[in-house]
PDB file of N, CA and C in Angstrom:
ATOM      1  N   UNK A   1      97.065  91.891  75.055  1.00  0.00           N
ATOM      2  CA  UNK A   1      98.420  90.768  74.694  1.00  0.00           C
ATOM      3  C   UNK A   1      97.448  89.858  75.168  1.00  0.00           C
ATOM      4  N   UNK A   2      97.504  88.726  74.041  1.00  0.00           N
ATOM      5  CA  UNK A   2      96.305  87.182  73.875  1.00  0.00           C
ATOM      6  C   UNK A   2      97.619  86.071  74.168  1.00  0.00           C
ATOM      7  N   UNK A   3      96.741  85.172  74.514  1.00  0.00           N
ATOM      8  CA  UNK A   3      97.518  83.655  75.066  1.00  0.00           C
ATOM      9  C   UNK A   3      98.036  83.555  73.937  1.00  0.00           C
ATOM     10  N   UNK A   4      97.423  83.584  72.727  1.00  0.00           N
ATOM     11  CA  UNK A   4      98.637  82.505  71.946  1.00  0.00           C
ATOM     12  C   UNK A   4     100.239  83.599  71.258  1.00  0.00           C
ATOM     13  N   UNK A   5     100.025  84.219  72.010  1.00  0.00           N
ATOM     14  CA  UNK A   5     101.227  85.633  71.890  1.00  0.00           C
ATOM     15  C   UNK A   5     102.048  85.405  73.421  1.00  0.00           C
ATOM     16  N   UNK A   6     101.838  84.116  74.385  1.00  0.00           N
ATOM     17  CA  UNK A   6     102.251  83.652  75.656  1.00  0.00           C
ATOM     18  C   UNK A   6     102.852  82.088  75.393  1.00  0.00           C
ATOM     19  N   UNK A   7     104.132  82.181  75.668  1.00  0.00           N
ATOM     20  CA  UNK A   7     104.800  80.891  75.496  1.00  0.00           C
ATOM     21  C   UNK A   7     103.995  79.698  76.563  1.00  0.00           C
ATOM     22  N   UNK A   8     104.458  78.964  76.380  1.00  0.00           N
ATOM     23  CA  UNK A   8     103.292  78.021  77.499  1.00  0.00           C
ATOM     24  C   UNK A   8     103.265  77.982  79.029  1.00  0.00           C
ATOM     25  N   UNK A   9     104.956  78.366  79.385  1.00  0.00           N
ATOM     26  CA  UNK A   9     104.911  78.692  81.006  1.00  0.00           C
ATOM     27  C   UNK A   9     104.327  79.950  81.271  1.00  0.00           C
ATOM     28  N   UNK A  10     104.212  81.242  80.721  1.00  0.00           N
ATOM     29  CA  UNK A  10     103.855  82.102  80.326  1.00  0.00           C
ATOM     30  C   UNK A  10     102.029  82.036  80.536  1.00  0.00           C
ATOM     31  N   UNK A  11     101.829  81.456  79.959  1.00  0.00           N
ATOM     32  CA  UNK A  11     100.094  80.789  80.366  1.00  0.00           C
ATOM     33  C   UNK A  11      99.778  80.612  81.057  1.00  0.00           C
ATOM     34  N   UNK A  12     100.846  79.393  81.674  1.00  0.00           N
ATOM     35  CA  UNK A  12     100.398  78.644  82.493  1.00  0.00           C
ATOM     36  C   UNK A  12     100.076  79.602  84.360  1.00  0.00           C
ATOM     37  N   UNK A  13     101.471  80.122  83.678  1.00  0.00           N
ATOM     38  CA  UNK A  13     101.456  81.280  85.426  1.00  0.00           C
ATOM     39  C   UNK A  13     100.551  82.464  85.165  1.00  0.00           C
ATOM     40  N   UNK A  14     100.198  83.154  83.817  1.00  0.00           N
ATOM     41  CA  UNK A  14      99.566  83.699  83.752  1.00  0.00           C
ATOM     42  C   UNK A  14      97.735  83.584  84.487  1.00  0.00           C
ATOM     43  N   UNK A  15      97.087  81.967  84.330  1.00  0.00           N
ATOM     44  CA  UNK A  15      96.183  81.578  84.567  1.00  0.00           C
ATOM     45  C   UNK A  15      96.329  81.451  85.799  1.00  0.00           C
ATOM     46  N   UNK A  16      97.422  80.973  86.333  1.00  0.00           N
ATOM     47  CA  UNK A  16      97.121  80.439  88.222  1.00  0.00           C
ATOM     48  C   UNK A  16      97.458  81.475  88.651  1.00  0.00           C
ATOM     49  N   UNK A  17      97.868  82.835  88.153  1.00  0.00           N
ATOM     50  CA  UNK A  17      98.136  84.530  89.241  1.00  0.00           C
ATOM     51  C   UNK A  17      96.752  84.882  88.940  1.00  0.00           C
ATOM     52  N   UNK A  18      96.000  84.710  87.669  1.00  0.00           N
ATOM     53  CA  UNK A  18      94.891  85.326  88.065  1.00  0.00           C
ATOM     54  C   UNK A  18      93.886  84.384  88.472  1.00  0.00           C
ATOM     55  N   UNK A  19      93.510  83.343  88.869  1.00  0.00           N
ATOM     56  CA  UNK A  19      92.548  82.335  89.616  1.00  0.00           C
ATOM     57  C   UNK A  19      93.365  82.563  91.095  1.00  0.00           C
ATOM     58  N   UNK A  20      94.612  82.595  91.468  1.00  0.00           N
ATOM     59  CA  UNK A  20      95.282  83.110  92.564  1.00  0.00           C
ATOM     60  C   UNK A  20      94.511  84.167  93.298  1.00  0.00           C
ATOM     61  N   UNK A  21      94.352  85.269  92.103  1.00  0.00           N
ATOM     62  CA  UNK A  21      94.222  86.694  92.571  1.00  0.00           C
ATOM     63  C   UNK A  21      92.752  86.581  93.056  1.00  0.00           C
ATOM     64  N   UNK A  22      91.828  86.408  92.317  1.00  0.00           N
ATOM     65  CA  UNK A  22      90.443  86.092  92.504  1.00  0.00           C
ATOM     66  C   UNK A  22      90.147  85.414  93.758  1.00  0.00           C
ATOM     67  N   UNK A  23      90.849  84.464  94.353  1.00  0.00           N
ATOM     68  CA  UNK A  23      90.693  83.592  95.551  1.00  0.00           C
ATOM     69  C   UNK A  23      90.871  84.126  96.907  1.00  0.00           C
ATOM     70  N   UNK A  24      92.321  85.157  96.004  1.00  0.00           N
ATOM     71  CA  UNK A  24      93.204  85.842  97.469  1.00  0.00           C
ATOM     72  C   UNK A  24      92.230  86.389  99.048  1.00  0.00           C
ATOM     73  N   UNK A  25      91.306  86.728  98.439  1.00  0.00           N
ATOM     74  CA  UNK A  25      90.084  87.266  99.816  1.00  0.00           C
ATOM     75  C   UNK A  25      89.412  86.329 100.168  1.00  0.00           C
ATOM     76  N   UNK A  26      89.810  85.138  99.542  1.00  0.00           N
ATOM     77  CA  UNK A  26      88.812  84.076 100.702  1.00  0.00           C
ATOM     78  C   UNK A  26      87.573  83.875  99.474  1.00  0.00           C
ATOM     79  N   UNK A  27      86.733  84.849  98.963  1.00  0.00           N
ATOM     80  CA  UNK A  27      85.669  84.676  97.754  1.00  0.00           C
ATOM     81  C   UNK A  27      85.853  85.410  96.726  1.00  0.00           C
ATOM     82  N   UNK A  28      85.292  84.539  95.937  1.00  0.00           N
ATOM     83  CA  UNK A  28      84.673  84.856  94.506  1.00  0.00           C
ATOM     84  C   UNK A  28      83.713  85.439  94.131  1.00  0.00           C
ATOM     85  N   UNK A  29      83.830  87.174  94.032  1.00  0.00           N
ATOM     86  CA  UNK A  29      82.695  87.773  93.925  1.00  0.00           C
ATOM     87  C   UNK A  29      81.968  87.847  92.657  1.00  0.00           C
ATOM     88  N   UNK A  30      81.000  88.559  92.178  1.00  0.00           N
ATOM     89  CA  UNK A  30      80.408  88.413  91.276  1.00  0.00           C
ATOM     90  C   UNK A  30      80.974  89.475  90.421  1.00  0.00           C
ATOM     91  N   UNK A  31      81.616  90.915  90.572  1.00  0.00           N
ATOM     92  CA  UNK A  31      82.349  91.595  89.673  1.00  0.00           C
ATOM     93  C   UNK A  31      83.653  91.009  89.426  1.00  0.00           C
ATOM     94  N   UNK A  32      84.118  89.988  90.131  1.00  0.00           N
ATOM     95  CA  UNK A  32      85.398  89.185  89.897  1.00  0.00           C
ATOM     96  C   UNK A  32      84.884  88.423  88.865  1.00  0.00           C
ATOM     97  N   UNK A  33      84.109  87.567  88.781  1.00  0.00           N
ATOM     98  CA  UNK A  33      83.457  86.456  87.837  1.00  0.00           C
ATOM     99  C   UNK A  33      83.581  87.107  86.541  1.00  0.00           C
ATOM    100  N   UNK A  34      82.477  88.263  86.276  1.00  0.00           N
ATOM    101  CA  UNK A  34      82.701  89.177  85.424  1.00  0.00           C
ATOM    102  C   UNK A  34      83.718  89.414  84.726  1.00  0.00           C
ATOM    103  N   UNK A  35      84.638  90.270  85.917  1.00  0.00           N
ATOM    104  CA  UNK A  35      85.955  90.629  85.065  1.00  0.00           C
ATOM    105  C   UNK A  35      86.732  89.066  84.655  1.00  0.00           C
ATOM    106  N   UNK A  36      86.977  88.289  85.093  1.00  0.00           N
ATOM    107  CA  UNK A  36      87.330  87.386  84.394  1.00  0.00           C
ATOM    108  C   UNK A  36      87.172  86.984  83.070  1.00  0.00           C
ATOM    109  N   UNK A  37      85.687  86.668  83.278  1.00  0.00           N
ATOM    110  CA  UNK A  37      84.919  86.325  81.969  1.00  0.00           C
ATOM    111  C   UNK A  37      85.023  87.047  80.823  1.00  0.00           C
ATOM    112  N   UNK A  38      85.071  88.542  81.149  1.00  0.00           N
ATOM    113  CA  UNK A  38      86.184  89.270  79.740  1.00  0.00           C
ATOM    114  C   UNK A  38      87.131  89.156  79.450  1.00  0.00           C
ATOM    115  N   UNK A  39      87.951  89.109  80.721  1.00  0.00           N
ATOM    116  CA  UNK A  39      89.615  88.887  80.619  1.00  0.00           C
ATOM    117  C   UNK A  39      89.866  87.485  79.349  1.00  0.00           C
ATOM    118  N   UNK A  40      88.718  86.758  80.075  1.00  0.00           N
ATOM    119  CA  UNK A  40      88.978  85.363  78.854  1.00  0.00           C
ATOM    120  C   UNK A  40      88.572  85.252  77.221  1.00  0.00           C
ATOM    121  N   UNK A  41      87.473  86.778  77.392  1.00  0.00           N
ATOM    122  CA  UNK A  41      87.055  86.843  75.701  1.00  0.00           C
ATOM    123  C   UNK A  41      88.061  87.726  75.408  1.00  0.00           C
ATOM    124  N   UNK A  42      88.869  88.323  76.066  1.00  0.00           N
ATOM    125  CA  UNK A  42      89.621  89.398  75.452  1.00  0.00           C
ATOM    126  C   UNK A  42      91.206  88.410  75.260  1.00  0.00           C
ATOM    127  N   UNK A  43      91.569  87.624  75.857  1.00  0.00           N
ATOM    128  CA  UNK A  43      92.969  86.956  75.620  1.00  0.00           C
ATOM    129  C   UNK A  43      92.714  85.689  75.066  1.00  0.00           C
ATOM    130  N   UNK A  44      91.600  85.382  75.140  1.00  0.00           N
ATOM    131  CA  UNK A  44      91.133  83.993  73.910  1.00  0.00           C
ATOM    132  C   UNK A  44      91.066  82.969  75.216  1.00  0.00           C
ATOM    133  N   UNK A  45      89.492  82.720  74.794  1.00  0.00           N
ATOM    134  CA  UNK A  45      89.004  82.087  76.200  1.00  0.00           C
ATOM    135  C   UNK A  45      89.382  80.542  76.308  1.00  0.00           C
ATOM    136  N   UNK A  46      88.918  79.888  74.790  1.00  0.00           N
ATOM    137  CA  UNK A  46      89.293  78.279  74.919  1.00  0.00           C
ATOM    138  C   UNK A  46      90.503  78.612  75.680  1.00  0.00           C
ATOM    139  N   UNK A  47      92.220  79.162  75.314  1.00  0.00           N
ATOM    140  CA  UNK A  47      92.938  78.810  75.650  1.00  0.00           C
ATOM    141  C   UNK A  47      93.023  79.191  77.076  1.00  0.00           C
ATOM    142  N   UNK A  48      92.388  80.443  77.887  1.00  0.00           N
ATOM    143  CA  UNK A  48      92.873  80.564  79.184  1.00  0.00           C
ATOM    144  C   UNK A  48      91.813  79.867  79.770  1.00  0.00           C
ATOM    145  N   UNK A  49      90.563  79.095  79.674  1.00  0.00           N
ATOM    146  CA  UNK A  49      90.057  78.521  80.755  1.00  0.00           C
ATOM    147  C   UNK A  49      90.873  76.754  80.576  1.00  0.00           C
ATOM    148  N   UNK A  50      91.226  76.575  79.514  1.00  0.00           N
ATOM    149  CA  UNK A  50      92.302  75.430  79.494  1.00  0.00           C
ATOM    150  C   UNK A  50      93.119  75.412  80.384  1.00  0.00           C
ATOM    151  N   UNK A  51      94.104  76.891  80.315  1.00  0.00           N
ATOM    152  CA  UNK A  51      95.269  76.800  81.013  1.00  0.00           C
ATOM    153  C   UNK A  51      95.068  76.892  82.577  1.00  0.00           C
ATOM    154  N   UNK A  52      93.615  77.354  82.615  1.00  0.00           N
ATOM    155  CA  UNK A  52      93.400  77.380  84.405  1.00  0.00           C
ATOM    156  C   UNK A  52      93.021  76.343  84.387  1.00  0.00           C
ATOM    157  N   UNK A  53      92.922  75.543  83.972  1.00  0.00           N
ATOM    158  CA  UNK A  53      92.202  73.963  84.407  1.00  0.00           C
ATOM    159  C   UNK A  53      93.450  73.810  84.774  1.00  0.00           C
ATOM    160  N   UNK A  54      94.277  73.857  83.814  1.00  0.00           N
ATOM    161  CA  UNK A  54      95.998  72.862  84.000  1.00  0.00           C
ATOM    162  C   UNK A  54      96.602  73.606  84.975  1.00  0.00           C
ATOM    163  N   UNK A  55      96.237  75.116  85.512  1.00  0.00           N
ATOM    164  CA  UNK A  55      97.153  75.449  86.693  1.00  0.00           C
ATOM    165  C   UNK A  55      96.770  75.291  88.108  1.00  0.00           C
ATOM    166  N   UNK A  56      95.503  74.747  88.012  1.00  0.00           N
ATOM    167  CA  UNK A  56      95.004  74.098  89.177  1.00  0.00           C
ATOM    168  C   UNK A  56      95.488  72.752  89.613  1.00  0.00           C
ATOM    169  N   UNK A  57      95.987  71.978  88.564  1.00  0.00           N
ATOM    170  CA  UNK A  57      96.340  70.515  88.894  1.00  0.00           C
ATOM    171  C   UNK A  57      97.840  70.751  88.997  1.00  0.00           C
ATOM    172  N   UNK A  58      98.663  71.467  88.355  1.00  0.00           N
ATOM    173  CA  UNK A  58     100.053  71.407  87.916  1.00  0.00           C
ATOM    174  C   UNK A  58     100.314  72.677  89.143  1.00  0.00           C
ATOM    175  N   UNK A  59      99.713  73.735  89.540  1.00  0.00           N
ATOM    176  CA  UNK A  59     100.523  74.554  90.406  1.00  0.00           C
ATOM    177  C   UNK A  59      99.645  74.751  91.482  1.00  0.00           C
ATOM    178  N   UNK A  60      98.884  73.399  92.426  1.00  0.00           N
ATOM    179  CA  UNK A  60      98.297  73.727  93.079  1.00  0.00           C
ATOM    180  C   UNK A  60      98.495  74.485  94.284  1.00  0.00           C
ATOM    181  N   UNK A  61     100.083  75.055  94.865  1.00  0.00           N
ATOM    182  CA  UNK A  61     100.074  75.857  95.921  1.00  0.00           C
ATOM    183  C   UNK A  61     100.063  77.251  95.803  1.00  0.00           C
ATOM    184  N   UNK A  62     100.478  77.939  96.669  1.00  0.00           N
ATOM    185  CA  UNK A  62     100.670  79.460  96.364  1.00  0.00           C
ATOM    186  C   UNK A  62     102.288  79.526  95.921  1.00  0.00           C
ATOM    187  N   UNK A  63     102.911  79.073  96.477  1.00  0.00           N
ATOM    188  CA  UNK A  63     104.346  78.659  96.366  1.00  0.00           C
ATOM    189  C   UNK A  63     104.901  78.223  95.174  1.00  0.00           C
ATOM    190  N   UNK A  64     103.865  77.670  94.149  1.00  0.00           N
ATOM    191  CA  UNK A  64     104.088  76.676  93.025  1.00  0.00           C
ATOM    192  C   UNK A  64     103.438  77.678  92.062  1.00  0.00           C
ATOM    193  N   UNK A  65     102.752  78.822  92.199  1.00  0.00           N
ATOM    194  CA  UNK A  65     102.671  79.757  91.219  1.00  0.00           C
ATOM    195  C   UNK A  65     103.582  81.100  91.110  1.00  0.00           C
ATOM    196  N   UNK A  66     103.940  81.275  92.570  1.00  0.00           N
ATOM    197  CA  UNK A  66     104.959  82.027  92.059  1.00  0.00           C
ATOM    198  C   UNK A  66     106.312  82.112  92.061  1.00  0.00           C
ATOM    199  N   UNK A  67     106.506  80.513  92.043  1.00  0.00           N
ATOM    200  CA  UNK A  67     107.802  79.787  91.412  1.00  0.00           C
ATOM    201  C   UNK A  67     107.683  80.129  89.954  1.00  0.00           C
ATOM    202  N   UNK A  68     106.251  79.779  89.477  1.00  0.00           N
ATOM    203  CA  UNK A  68     106.102  79.495  87.749  1.00  0.00           C
ATOM    204  C   UNK A  68     106.263  81.031  87.276  1.00  0.00           C
ATOM    205  N   UNK A  69     105.752  81.945  88.183  1.00  0.00           N
ATOM    206  CA  UNK A  69     105.640  83.498  87.741  1.00  0.00           C
ATOM    207  C   UNK A  69     106.856  84.114  87.512  1.00  0.00           C
ATOM    208  N   UNK A  70     107.761  83.201  88.635  1.00  0.00           N
ATOM    209  CA  UNK A  70     109.228  84.150  88.550  1.00  0.00           C
ATOM    210  C   UNK A  70     110.113  83.647  87.012  1.00  0.00           C
ATOM    211  N   UNK A  71     109.382  81.770  86.480  1.00  0.00           N
ATOM    212  CA  UNK A  71     110.199  81.589  85.279  1.00  0.00           C
ATOM    213  C   UNK A  71     110.007  83.046  84.201  1.00  0.00           C
ATOM    214  N   UNK A  72     108.773  83.906  84.025  1.00  0.00           N
ATOM    215  CA  UNK A  72     108.563  84.516  83.158  1.00  0.00           C
ATOM    216  C   UNK A  72     109.536  85.749  82.857  1.00  0.00           C
ATOM    217  N   UNK A  73     110.164  86.028  81.994  1.00  0.00           N
ATOM    218  CA  UNK A  73     111.653  86.565  81.876  1.00  0.00           C
ATOM    219  C   UNK A  73     111.467  87.701  81.205  1.00  0.00           C
ATOM    220  N   UNK A  74     110.277  88.074  79.882  1.00  0.00           N
ATOM    221  CA  UNK A  74     110.208  88.882  79.155  1.00  0.00           C
ATOM    222  C   UNK A  74     108.962  90.008  79.878  1.00  0.00           C
ATOM    223  N   UNK A  75     110.039  91.259  79.843  1.00  0.00           N
ATOM    224  CA  UNK A  75     109.510  92.153  80.696  1.00  0.00           C
ATOM    225  C   UNK A  75     108.133  92.745  80.567  1.00  0.00           C
ATOM    226  N   UNK A  76     107.643  92.563  79.155  1.00  0.00           N
ATOM    227  CA  UNK A  76     106.587  93.098  78.620  1.00  0.00           C
ATOM    228  C   UNK A  76     105.321  92.699  79.275  1.00  0.00           C
ATOM    229  N   UNK A  77     105.906  91.184  79.359  1.00  0.00           N
ATOM    230  CA  UNK A  77     104.498  90.136  79.993  1.00  0.00           C
ATOM    231  C   UNK A  77     104.428  90.446  81.228  1.00  0.00           C
ATOM    232  N   UNK A  78     105.444  90.927  81.700  1.00  0.00           N
ATOM    233  CA  UNK A  78     105.324  90.813  83.401  1.00  0.00           C
ATOM    234  C   UNK A  78     104.646  92.001  83.504  1.00  0.00           C
ATOM    235  N   UNK A  79     104.671  93.393  82.815  1.00  0.00           N
ATOM    236  CA  UNK A  79     103.959  94.493  83.164  1.00  0.00           C
ATOM    237  C   UNK A  79     102.995  94.433  82.720  1.00  0.00           C
ATOM    238  N   UNK A  80     102.143  93.685  81.453  1.00  0.00           N
ATOM    239  CA  UNK A  80     100.961  92.890  81.236  1.00  0.00           C
ATOM    240  C   UNK A  80     100.265  92.700  82.413  1.00  0.00           C
ATOM    241  N   UNK A  81     100.845  91.576  83.101  1.00  0.00           N
ATOM    242  CA  UNK A  81     100.574  90.738  83.864  1.00  0.00           C
ATOM    243  C   UNK A  81     100.183  91.458  84.515  1.00  0.00           C
ATOM    244  N   UNK A  82     100.784  92.357  85.147  1.00  0.00           N
ATOM    245  CA  UNK A  82     100.932  92.860  86.645  1.00  0.00           C
ATOM    246  C   UNK A  82      99.518  93.483  86.580  1.00  0.00           C
ATOM    247  N   UNK A  83      99.767  94.370  85.030  1.00  0.00           N
ATOM    248  CA  UNK A  83      98.170  95.425  84.755  1.00  0.00           C
ATOM    249  C   UNK A  83      96.880  94.661  85.120  1.00  0.00           C
ATOM    250  N   UNK A  84      97.181  92.959  84.514  1.00  0.00           N
ATOM    251  CA  UNK A  84      95.969  92.500  84.126  1.00  0.00           C
ATOM    252  C   UNK A  84      95.179  92.344  86.011  1.00  0.00           C
ATOM    253  N   UNK A  85      96.268  91.933  86.650  1.00  0.00           N
ATOM    254  CA  UNK A  85      96.025  91.574  88.208  1.00  0.00           C
ATOM    255  C   UNK A  85      95.670  92.689  88.828  1.00  0.00           C
ATOM    256  N   UNK A  86      96.123  93.852  89.077  1.00  0.00           N
ATOM    257  CA  UNK A  86      95.907  95.410  89.275  1.00  0.00           C
ATOM    258  C   UNK A  86      94.450  95.293  88.954  1.00  0.00           C
ATOM    259  N   UNK A  87      94.120  95.034  87.762  1.00  0.00           N
ATOM    260  CA  UNK A  87      92.905  95.537  87.026  1.00  0.00           C
ATOM    261  C   UNK A  87      91.606  94.709  88.020  1.00  0.00           C
ATOM    262  N   UNK A  88      91.981  93.344  88.471  1.00  0.00           N
ATOM    263  CA  UNK A  88      91.169  92.340  88.733  1.00  0.00           C
ATOM    264  C   UNK A  88      90.751  92.601  89.890  1.00  0.00           C
ATOM    265  N   UNK A  89      91.856  92.867  90.903  1.00  0.00           N
ATOM    266  CA  UNK A  89      92.155  92.967  92.252  1.00  0.00           C
ATOM    267  C   UNK A  89      91.169  94.378  92.452  1.00  0.00           C
ATOM    268  N   UNK A  90      91.116  95.308  91.646  1.00  0.00           N
ATOM    269  CA  UNK A  90      90.530  96.681  91.799  1.00  0.00           C
ATOM    270  C   UNK A  90      89.232  96.695  91.719  1.00  0.00           C
ATOM    271  N   UNK A  91      87.901  95.344  90.613  1.00  0.00           N
ATOM    272  CA  UNK A  91      86.834  95.397  90.505  1.00  0.00           C
ATOM    273  C   UNK A  91      86.053  95.683  92.032  1.00  0.00           C
ATOM    274  N   UNK A  92      86.477  94.709  92.880  1.00  0.00           N
ATOM    275  CA  UNK A  92      85.555  95.110  93.747  1.00  0.00           C
ATOM    276  C   UNK A  92      86.243  95.616  95.276  1.00  0.00           C
ATOM    277  N   UNK A  93      86.871  96.448  95.047  1.00  0.00           N
ATOM    278  CA  UNK A  93      88.304  97.025  96.162  1.00  0.00           C
ATOM    279  C   UNK A  93      88.966  95.973  96.315  1.00  0.00           C
ATOM    280  N   UNK A  94      90.567  96.586  96.442  1.00  0.00           N
ATOM    281  CA  UNK A  94      91.453  95.781  96.375  1.00  0.00           C
ATOM    282  C   UNK A  94      91.740  95.547  97.997  1.00  0.00           C
ATOM    283  N   UNK A  95      91.329  93.923  98.533  1.00  0.00           N
ATOM    284  CA  UNK A  95      91.977  93.361  99.836  1.00  0.00           C
ATOM    285  C   UNK A  95      93.652  93.078 100.039  1.00  0.00           C
ATOM    286  N   UNK A  96      93.530  93.766 101.326  1.00  0.00           N
ATOM    287  CA  UNK A  96      95.238  93.090 101.981  1.00  0.00           C
ATOM    288  C   UNK A  96      95.765  92.085 101.351  1.00  0.00           C
ATOM    289  N   UNK A  97      95.158  90.857 101.104  1.00  0.00           N
ATOM    290  CA  UNK A  97      95.599  89.866 100.745  1.00  0.00           C
ATOM    291  C   UNK A  97      95.949  90.287  99.182  1.00  0.00           C
ATOM    292  N   UNK A  98      95.177  90.496  98.689  1.00  0.00           N
ATOM    293  CA  UNK A  98      95.547  91.083  96.878  1.00  0.00           C
ATOM    294  C   UNK A  98      96.740  91.881  97.060  1.00  0.00           C
ATOM    295  N   UNK A  99      96.594  92.709  98.208  1.00  0.00           N
ATOM    296  CA  UNK A  99      97.475  93.390  98.070  1.00  0.00           C
ATOM    297  C   UNK A  99      99.364  92.875  98.069  1.00  0.00           C
ATOM    298  N   UNK A 100      99.092  91.959  98.887  1.00  0.00           N
ATOM    299  CA  UNK A 100     100.213  90.977  99.347  1.00  0.00           C
ATOM    300  C   UNK A 100     100.914  90.010  97.921  1.00  0.00           C
ATOM    301  N   UNK A 101      99.538  89.838  97.627  1.00  0.00           N
ATOM    302  CA  UNK A 101      99.841  88.754  96.067  1.00  0.00           C
ATOM    303  C   UNK A 101     100.640  90.027  95.220  1.00  0.00           C
ATOM    304  N   UNK A 102     100.608  90.912  94.957  1.00  0.00           N
ATOM    305  CA  UNK A 102     100.805  91.596  93.947  1.00  0.00           C
ATOM    306  C   UNK A 102     102.519  92.315  94.608  1.00  0.00           C
ATOM    307  N   UNK A 103     102.977  92.322  95.981  1.00  0.00           N
ATOM    308  CA  UNK A 103     104.137  92.501  96.094  1.00  0.00           C
ATOM    309  C   UNK A 103     104.709  91.346  95.936  1.00  0.00           C
ATOM    310  N   UNK A 104     104.480  90.030  96.934  1.00  0.00           N
ATOM    311  CA  UNK A 104     105.135  89.037  96.046  1.00  0.00           C
ATOM    312  C   UNK A 104     105.742  88.277  94.756  1.00  0.00           C
ATOM    313  N   UNK A 105     104.604  89.094  93.785  1.00  0.00           N
ATOM    314  CA  UNK A 105     104.736  88.757  92.486  1.00  0.00           C
ATOM    315  C   UNK A 105     106.086  89.546  92.006  1.00  0.00           C
ATOM    316  N   UNK A 106     106.064  91.036  92.445  1.00  0.00           N
ATOM    317  CA  UNK A 106     107.119  92.012  92.372  1.00  0.00           C
ATOM    318  C   UNK A 106     108.644  91.700  92.788  1.00  0.00           C
ATOM    319  N   UNK A 107     108.352  90.948  93.676  1.00  0.00           N
ATOM    320  CA  UNK A 107     109.692  90.284  94.897  1.00  0.00           C
ATOM    321  C   UNK A 107     109.888  88.967  93.959  1.00  0.00           C
ATOM    322  N   UNK A 108     109.389  88.343  93.351  1.00  0.00           N
ATOM    323  CA  UNK A 108     109.467  87.256  92.526  1.00  0.00           C
ATOM    324  C   UNK A 108     110.250  87.632  91.370  1.00  0.00           C
ATOM    325  N   UNK A 109     110.027  88.796  91.028  1.00  0.00           N
ATOM    326  CA  UNK A 109     110.395  89.229  89.352  1.00  0.00           C
ATOM    327  C   UNK A 109     111.768  89.648  89.684  1.00  0.00           C
ATOM    328  N   UNK A 110     112.562  89.917  90.965  1.00  0.00           N
ATOM    329  CA  UNK A 110     113.499  90.903  90.917  1.00  0.00           C
ATOM    330  C   UNK A 110     114.859  90.060  91.293  1.00  0.00           C
TER     331      UNK A 110
END
């Protein structure tokens, strides 16, 4: 999926969740940085980095991000987004805080 296939809320929530995931364990590893760069290239770099910057300002708190994510209604976007987050968390071994974020996301979508 590409950023231009997502609506504005989906783009913002997606970028915010990616940012939250890479910071979940308290450090941004080089493997995570590389994974983010690859992801940006796959989904549309300019739009992704812009959405990530916007998300930092518009969704500054963890709960803000989860509320935005709860607004994603399309099942195919949810499934894709969840897979992306699992992939990012797995690049350097999934930390308990990353697994917790995935659990919270599933709960937000129920």
